[in-house]
N, C-alpha and C. Protein backbone atom coordinates (compact mmCIF):
# COMPACT_ATOMS: atom_id res chain seq x y z
N MET A 1 213.20 8.08 10.05
CA MET A 1 213.67 7.64 8.47
C MET A 1 213.85 8.92 8.24
N ILE A 2 214.73 9.05 6.87
CA ILE A 2 215.18 10.02 6.34
C ILE A 2 214.11 10.38 4.61
N ARG A 3 213.67 11.35 4.85
CA ARG A 3 213.12 12.14 3.22
C ARG A 3 214.06 12.32 2.16
N ALA A 4 214.46 11.36 1.19
CA ALA A 4 215.32 11.37 0.42
C ALA A 4 214.76 11.48 -1.21
N LEU A 5 215.55 12.09 -1.77
CA LEU A 5 215.58 11.97 -3.28
C LEU A 5 216.77 11.10 -4.00
N ILE A 6 216.57 10.37 -4.42
CA ILE A 6 217.68 9.37 -5.27
C ILE A 6 217.41 9.33 -6.79
N SER A 7 218.29 9.26 -7.16
CA SER A 7 218.43 9.00 -8.56
C SER A 7 219.30 8.04 -9.18
N GLY A 8 219.09 6.97 -10.22
CA GLY A 8 219.97 6.17 -10.56
C GLY A 8 219.72 5.06 -11.98
N GLU A 9 219.64 4.05 -12.00
CA GLU A 9 219.29 3.00 -13.20
C GLU A 9 218.63 1.83 -12.35
N LEU A 10 217.42 1.42 -12.72
CA LEU A 10 216.70 -0.12 -12.60
C LEU A 10 218.21 -0.86 -12.91
N VAL A 11 218.04 -1.54 -12.25
CA VAL A 11 219.11 -2.95 -12.35
C VAL A 11 218.55 -4.15 -13.04
N ALA A 12 217.15 -4.14 -12.88
CA ALA A 12 216.36 -5.15 -13.33
C ALA A 12 214.67 -4.49 -13.44
N ALA A 13 213.97 -5.28 -14.30
CA ALA A 13 212.62 -4.81 -14.56
C ALA A 13 212.06 -5.02 -12.99
N PRO A 14 211.20 -3.91 -12.65
CA PRO A 14 210.64 -3.73 -11.08
C PRO A 14 209.51 -4.77 -11.06
N ILE A 15 209.14 -5.72 -10.01
CA ILE A 15 208.29 -6.68 -9.42
C ILE A 15 207.17 -6.34 -8.93
N GLU A 16 205.88 -7.08 -9.84
CA GLU A 16 204.70 -6.98 -8.53
C GLU A 16 204.54 -7.91 -7.85
N ARG A 17 204.00 -7.58 -6.68
CA ARG A 17 203.28 -8.22 -6.03
C ARG A 17 202.23 -7.91 -5.15
N THR A 18 201.38 -8.78 -4.63
CA THR A 18 200.53 -8.71 -3.91
C THR A 18 200.35 -8.73 -2.35
N SER A 19 199.86 -7.76 -1.58
CA SER A 19 199.90 -8.23 0.11
C SER A 19 198.61 -8.79 0.23
N ARG A 20 198.96 -9.27 1.23
CA ARG A 20 198.09 -10.27 2.26
C ARG A 20 196.64 -9.56 2.32
N ASN A 21 196.46 -8.42 2.44
CA ASN A 21 195.21 -7.75 1.87
C ASN A 21 194.64 -7.68 0.71
N GLY A 22 195.22 -7.95 -0.40
CA GLY A 22 195.35 -7.86 -1.73
C GLY A 22 195.79 -6.66 -2.43
N ARG A 23 196.47 -5.62 -1.69
CA ARG A 23 196.95 -4.39 -2.24
C ARG A 23 197.94 -4.64 -3.18
N PRO A 24 198.29 -4.29 -4.40
CA PRO A 24 199.80 -4.37 -5.08
C PRO A 24 200.62 -3.62 -4.73
N TYR A 25 201.46 -4.10 -4.87
CA TYR A 25 202.93 -3.23 -4.70
C TYR A 25 203.84 -3.83 -5.41
N ALA A 26 205.24 -2.78 -5.37
CA ALA A 26 206.12 -3.12 -6.38
C ALA A 26 207.38 -2.99 -5.76
N LEU A 27 208.55 -3.75 -6.19
CA LEU A 27 209.80 -4.07 -5.83
C LEU A 27 210.72 -4.08 -6.82
N ALA A 28 211.66 -2.95 -6.34
CA ALA A 28 213.12 -2.48 -7.75
C ALA A 28 214.07 -2.60 -6.92
N ARG A 29 215.15 -2.46 -7.79
CA ARG A 29 216.46 -2.52 -7.28
C ARG A 29 217.01 -1.38 -8.31
N LEU A 30 217.79 -0.60 -7.63
CA LEU A 30 218.29 0.52 -8.27
C LEU A 30 219.91 0.92 -7.96
N SER A 31 220.72 1.22 -9.05
CA SER A 31 221.84 1.49 -9.21
C SER A 31 222.49 2.81 -8.93
N VAL A 32 222.98 3.28 -8.15
CA VAL A 32 222.83 4.81 -7.73
C VAL A 32 224.73 5.01 -7.86
N PRO A 33 225.07 6.17 -8.62
CA PRO A 33 226.47 6.32 -8.50
C PRO A 33 226.82 7.28 -7.29
N GLN A 34 227.96 6.96 -6.90
CA GLN A 34 228.50 7.30 -5.71
C GLN A 34 229.59 8.24 -6.13
N GLY A 35 229.98 9.20 -7.32
CA GLY A 35 231.16 9.59 -7.58
C GLY A 35 232.33 8.87 -7.56
N ASP A 36 233.19 9.03 -7.14
CA ASP A 36 234.80 7.90 -7.59
C ASP A 36 234.52 6.50 -6.93
N GLU A 37 233.54 6.64 -5.99
CA GLU A 37 233.57 5.72 -5.08
C GLU A 37 232.88 4.35 -5.74
N GLY A 38 232.36 4.88 -7.15
CA GLY A 38 231.28 3.48 -7.70
C GLY A 38 230.11 3.54 -7.49
N ARG A 39 229.46 2.71 -7.09
CA ARG A 39 227.94 2.46 -7.27
C ARG A 39 227.70 1.85 -5.72
N VAL A 40 226.20 2.20 -5.22
CA VAL A 40 225.84 1.67 -4.15
C VAL A 40 224.14 1.29 -4.74
N PHE A 41 223.75 0.00 -4.10
CA PHE A 41 222.40 0.06 -4.43
C PHE A 41 221.60 -0.16 -3.68
N CYS A 42 220.25 0.14 -4.24
CA CYS A 42 219.30 0.73 -2.98
C CYS A 42 217.92 -0.44 -3.59
N SER A 43 217.45 -0.82 -2.58
CA SER A 43 216.28 -1.72 -2.57
C SER A 43 215.02 -0.92 -2.40
N VAL A 44 214.10 -1.18 -3.52
CA VAL A 44 213.17 0.19 -3.33
C VAL A 44 211.66 -0.61 -3.17
N ILE A 45 210.57 -0.52 -2.34
CA ILE A 45 209.22 -0.73 -2.30
C ILE A 45 208.14 0.90 -2.72
N ALA A 46 207.25 0.40 -3.29
CA ALA A 46 206.42 1.53 -3.39
C ALA A 46 205.14 0.53 -3.11
N PHE A 47 204.09 1.29 -2.39
CA PHE A 47 202.80 1.03 -1.92
C PHE A 47 201.89 1.72 -2.45
N GLN A 48 201.75 3.16 -2.70
CA GLN A 48 201.00 4.07 -3.43
C GLN A 48 200.77 3.74 -4.72
N ASP A 49 199.61 3.66 -4.86
CA ASP A 49 198.67 3.36 -6.29
C ASP A 49 199.76 3.84 -7.65
N ASP A 50 199.87 5.26 -7.40
CA ASP A 50 200.19 5.98 -8.65
C ASP A 50 201.84 5.58 -8.51
N ALA A 51 202.60 5.51 -7.61
CA ALA A 51 203.96 5.42 -7.31
C ALA A 51 204.17 3.91 -8.19
N VAL A 52 203.28 2.80 -7.86
CA VAL A 52 203.29 1.31 -8.29
C VAL A 52 203.40 1.36 -9.44
N ALA A 53 202.15 2.01 -10.22
CA ALA A 53 201.62 1.96 -11.82
C ALA A 53 203.13 2.73 -12.17
N ARG A 54 203.75 3.49 -11.88
CA ARG A 54 204.42 4.35 -12.67
C ARG A 54 205.87 3.23 -12.82
N LEU A 55 206.08 2.79 -11.71
CA LEU A 55 207.40 2.01 -11.34
C LEU A 55 207.43 0.74 -12.39
N LEU A 56 206.04 -0.15 -12.29
CA LEU A 56 205.96 -1.27 -13.12
C LEU A 56 206.08 -0.98 -14.46
N GLN A 57 205.68 0.62 -15.07
CA GLN A 57 205.66 1.06 -16.36
C GLN A 57 207.16 0.92 -16.99
N LEU A 58 208.31 0.55 -16.39
CA LEU A 58 209.88 0.75 -16.18
C LEU A 58 210.49 -0.38 -16.55
N LYS A 59 211.28 -0.37 -17.28
CA LYS A 59 212.06 -1.40 -17.52
C LYS A 59 213.49 -1.59 -17.19
N ALA A 60 214.51 -2.74 -17.29
CA ALA A 60 216.06 -2.59 -16.60
C ALA A 60 216.58 -1.28 -17.51
N GLY A 61 217.30 -0.88 -16.93
CA GLY A 61 218.07 -0.09 -17.14
C GLY A 61 217.87 1.52 -17.35
N ALA A 62 216.43 1.81 -17.06
CA ALA A 62 215.89 2.88 -17.09
C ALA A 62 216.47 4.02 -16.34
N SER A 63 216.41 5.16 -16.48
CA SER A 63 216.73 6.05 -15.56
C SER A 63 215.76 6.62 -14.75
N VAL A 64 215.90 6.64 -13.67
CA VAL A 64 214.60 7.08 -12.71
C VAL A 64 214.98 7.58 -11.13
N SER A 65 214.12 8.94 -10.85
CA SER A 65 214.46 9.47 -9.83
C SER A 65 213.38 9.14 -9.13
N LEU A 66 213.63 8.65 -7.52
CA LEU A 66 212.47 8.19 -6.57
C LEU A 66 212.90 9.29 -5.24
N ALA A 67 211.47 9.40 -4.51
CA ALA A 67 211.68 10.02 -3.63
C ALA A 67 210.50 9.39 -2.44
N GLY A 68 211.37 9.39 -1.17
CA GLY A 68 210.73 8.67 -0.31
C GLY A 68 210.93 8.48 0.92
N ALA A 69 210.78 7.50 1.93
CA ALA A 69 211.19 7.39 3.22
C ALA A 69 212.83 6.96 3.02
N LEU A 70 214.04 6.82 3.38
CA LEU A 70 215.23 6.10 3.31
C LEU A 70 215.90 5.67 4.60
N LYS A 71 216.04 4.20 4.65
CA LYS A 71 217.26 3.54 5.71
C LYS A 71 218.14 3.19 4.97
N VAL A 72 219.38 3.80 5.59
CA VAL A 72 220.69 3.31 5.34
C VAL A 72 220.99 2.25 6.19
N SER A 73 221.86 1.06 5.71
CA SER A 73 222.22 0.16 6.22
C SER A 73 223.26 0.10 5.82
N THR A 74 223.94 -1.06 6.43
CA THR A 74 225.45 -2.00 5.91
C THR A 74 224.88 -3.42 6.00
N TRP A 75 226.07 -4.00 4.97
CA TRP A 75 225.99 -5.37 4.57
C TRP A 75 227.10 -5.80 3.99
N GLN A 76 227.48 -7.28 4.56
CA GLN A 76 228.75 -8.07 4.33
C GLN A 76 229.11 -8.46 3.12
N ALA A 77 229.68 -8.30 2.22
CA ALA A 77 230.06 -8.26 0.96
C ALA A 77 230.72 -10.14 0.97
N LYS A 78 230.74 -10.73 0.05
CA LYS A 78 231.61 -12.06 -0.12
C LYS A 78 233.06 -12.12 -0.02
N ASP A 79 233.73 -10.95 -0.29
CA ASP A 79 234.98 -10.71 0.22
C ASP A 79 235.47 -10.18 1.07
N GLY A 80 234.34 -10.29 2.27
CA GLY A 80 234.42 -9.82 3.82
C GLY A 80 234.24 -8.21 4.04
N THR A 81 234.49 -7.35 3.07
CA THR A 81 234.11 -6.04 3.37
C THR A 81 232.74 -5.60 3.69
N THR A 82 232.62 -4.29 4.08
CA THR A 82 231.41 -4.19 4.87
C THR A 82 231.15 -3.09 3.65
N ARG A 83 229.57 -2.85 3.10
CA ARG A 83 229.43 -2.30 2.39
C ARG A 83 227.89 -1.53 2.61
N PRO A 84 228.00 -0.20 2.03
CA PRO A 84 226.59 0.46 2.33
C PRO A 84 225.15 -0.09 1.57
N GLY A 85 224.13 0.15 2.38
CA GLY A 85 222.97 -0.52 1.35
C GLY A 85 221.63 0.75 1.97
N LEU A 86 221.18 0.56 1.24
CA LEU A 86 220.17 1.65 1.19
C LEU A 86 218.56 1.18 0.89
N ASP A 87 217.52 1.55 1.77
CA ASP A 87 216.43 1.12 1.58
C ASP A 87 214.86 2.01 1.22
N LEU A 88 214.43 2.29 0.45
CA LEU A 88 213.89 3.52 0.06
C LEU A 88 212.36 2.93 -0.15
N GLN A 89 211.29 3.29 0.56
CA GLN A 89 209.89 3.24 0.30
C GLN A 89 209.60 4.23 -0.24
N ALA A 90 209.39 4.16 -1.81
CA ALA A 90 209.02 5.22 -2.50
C ALA A 90 207.68 5.52 -2.72
N ASP A 91 207.41 7.27 -2.59
CA ASP A 91 206.03 7.39 -3.00
C ASP A 91 205.54 8.18 -4.31
N GLU A 92 207.32 8.74 -4.55
CA GLU A 92 207.03 9.55 -5.91
C GLU A 92 207.94 8.57 -7.17
N VAL A 93 207.47 8.84 -8.12
CA VAL A 93 208.59 7.84 -9.16
C VAL A 93 208.58 8.84 -10.03
N ALA A 94 209.68 9.32 -10.86
CA ALA A 94 209.65 10.53 -12.33
C ALA A 94 210.99 9.66 -12.75
N SER A 95 210.67 9.44 -14.19
CA SER A 95 211.70 8.75 -15.11
C SER A 95 211.61 9.54 -16.26
N THR A 96 212.88 9.71 -17.33
CA THR A 96 212.75 10.58 -18.77
C THR A 96 212.38 9.43 -19.53
N THR A 97 212.47 8.28 -19.01
CA THR A 97 211.34 7.56 -20.30
C THR A 97 209.83 7.33 -20.20
N PRO A 98 210.08 7.61 -21.77
CA PRO A 98 207.88 7.73 -21.92
C PRO A 98 207.17 6.79 -21.59
N ARG A 99 206.35 7.21 -21.02
CA ARG A 99 204.99 6.24 -20.58
C ARG A 99 204.38 5.92 -22.02
N PRO A 100 204.05 4.84 -21.71
CA PRO A 100 203.54 4.22 -23.00
C PRO A 100 201.79 4.92 -23.35
N ARG A 101 201.50 5.22 -24.43
CA ARG A 101 200.40 5.89 -24.92
C ARG A 101 199.83 5.42 -25.94
N LYS A 102 198.64 5.08 -26.18
CA LYS A 102 197.65 4.55 -27.34
C LYS A 102 197.52 5.94 -28.09
N ARG A 103 197.59 5.69 -29.27
CA ARG A 103 197.91 6.90 -30.35
C ARG A 103 196.12 6.83 -30.46
N LYS A 104 196.09 8.18 -30.77
CA LYS A 104 194.78 8.57 -31.08
C LYS A 104 194.52 9.11 -32.34
N SER A 105 193.75 8.74 -33.22
CA SER A 105 193.78 8.98 -34.74
C SER A 105 192.66 10.00 -34.19
N ARG A 106 193.36 11.25 -35.49
CA ARG A 106 192.87 12.31 -35.39
C ARG A 106 192.37 12.74 -36.91
N PRO A 107 190.99 13.33 -37.05
CA PRO A 107 190.77 13.41 -38.24
C PRO A 107 191.58 14.28 -39.17
N ASP A 108 192.09 15.58 -38.69
CA ASP A 108 192.75 16.07 -39.46
C ASP A 108 194.25 15.80 -39.50
N SER A 109 194.80 14.77 -39.10
CA SER A 109 196.10 13.94 -39.26
C SER A 109 196.35 13.32 -40.54
N PRO A 110 197.41 13.05 -41.10
CA PRO A 110 197.93 12.06 -42.03
C PRO A 110 197.83 10.88 -41.67
N ALA A 111 197.76 10.02 -42.26
CA ALA A 111 197.06 8.25 -42.19
C ALA A 111 198.84 8.04 -41.26
N ASP A 112 199.92 8.53 -41.59
CA ASP A 112 201.07 7.98 -40.97
C ASP A 112 201.47 8.72 -40.04
N GLY A 113 200.80 9.80 -39.38
CA GLY A 113 201.15 10.61 -37.87
C GLY A 113 202.08 11.25 -38.06
N HIS A 114 202.62 11.86 -37.27
CA HIS A 114 203.54 12.57 -36.60
C HIS A 114 203.95 12.23 -35.51
N SER A 115 205.04 12.29 -35.01
CA SER A 115 205.83 11.39 -33.62
C SER A 115 205.40 12.51 -32.65
N PHE A 116 205.14 13.72 -32.83
CA PHE A 116 204.74 14.63 -31.56
C PHE A 116 203.06 14.85 -31.18
N ASP A 117 202.17 13.97 -32.16
CA ASP A 117 200.98 14.24 -32.39
C ASP A 117 200.23 14.21 -30.82
N ASP A 118 200.87 13.09 -30.10
CA ASP A 118 200.15 13.05 -28.57
C ASP A 118 200.64 13.93 -27.45
N LEU A 119 201.42 14.94 -28.22
CA LEU A 119 201.62 15.88 -27.07
C LEU A 119 200.09 17.00 -27.05
N PRO A 120 200.09 17.29 -25.80
CA PRO A 120 198.74 18.33 -25.44
C PRO A 120 199.09 19.71 -26.19
N GLY A 121 198.25 20.04 -26.98
CA GLY A 121 198.06 20.86 -28.15
C GLY A 121 198.68 20.78 -29.39
N ALA A 122 198.88 19.49 -29.85
CA ALA A 122 199.28 19.41 -30.97
C ALA A 122 198.46 19.94 -31.94
N GLY A 123 198.88 20.18 -32.98
CA GLY A 123 198.31 20.63 -33.98
C GLY A 123 197.36 21.91 -33.75
N ASP A 124 197.35 22.71 -32.72
CA ASP A 124 196.57 24.15 -32.32
C ASP A 124 197.51 25.20 -33.56
N LEU A 125 198.74 24.86 -33.67
CA LEU A 125 198.96 25.92 -34.88
C LEU A 125 199.45 25.36 -36.40
N ASP A 126 199.01 26.21 -37.21
CA ASP A 126 198.82 25.80 -38.44
C ASP A 126 200.35 26.51 -39.02
N TRP A 127 201.57 25.92 -39.04
CA TRP A 127 202.71 26.81 -39.41
C TRP A 127 202.83 26.95 -40.87
N LEU A 128 202.12 25.91 -41.89
CA LEU A 128 202.35 26.20 -43.12
C LEU A 128 201.21 27.25 -43.81
N GLY A 129 200.17 27.50 -42.98
CA GLY A 129 199.38 28.62 -43.41
C GLY A 129 199.77 29.58 -42.81
N ALA A 130 200.53 30.04 -41.83
CA ALA A 130 200.99 31.02 -40.97
C ALA A 130 201.15 32.34 -41.62
């Protein structure tokens, strides 16, 4: 197997499945740009809890980078051409798509809140009183 880092877009929302021993895992399909040659599709499976949880938070169209063990293969298209195939067992998942967060109400914040209130250290500086 090859250790790889692949970036692309999710073709569809990831699917959660359960193994025979009761452990959850996730399946996804990634469209990876291949320069002037178009795109190649990568089948993704994740078993590690953190990777499964993060992958399942994403939706179709999300930009994502995945790291893990890569297997390269080929498959026969309907038009008879041979095309490359990628299968990745992902153990790391990164995305620019924000993770859903619950809003914490802060006693010193206005009722409508600010868009960056959930960032660590938000509100540490008093810009108006400085």
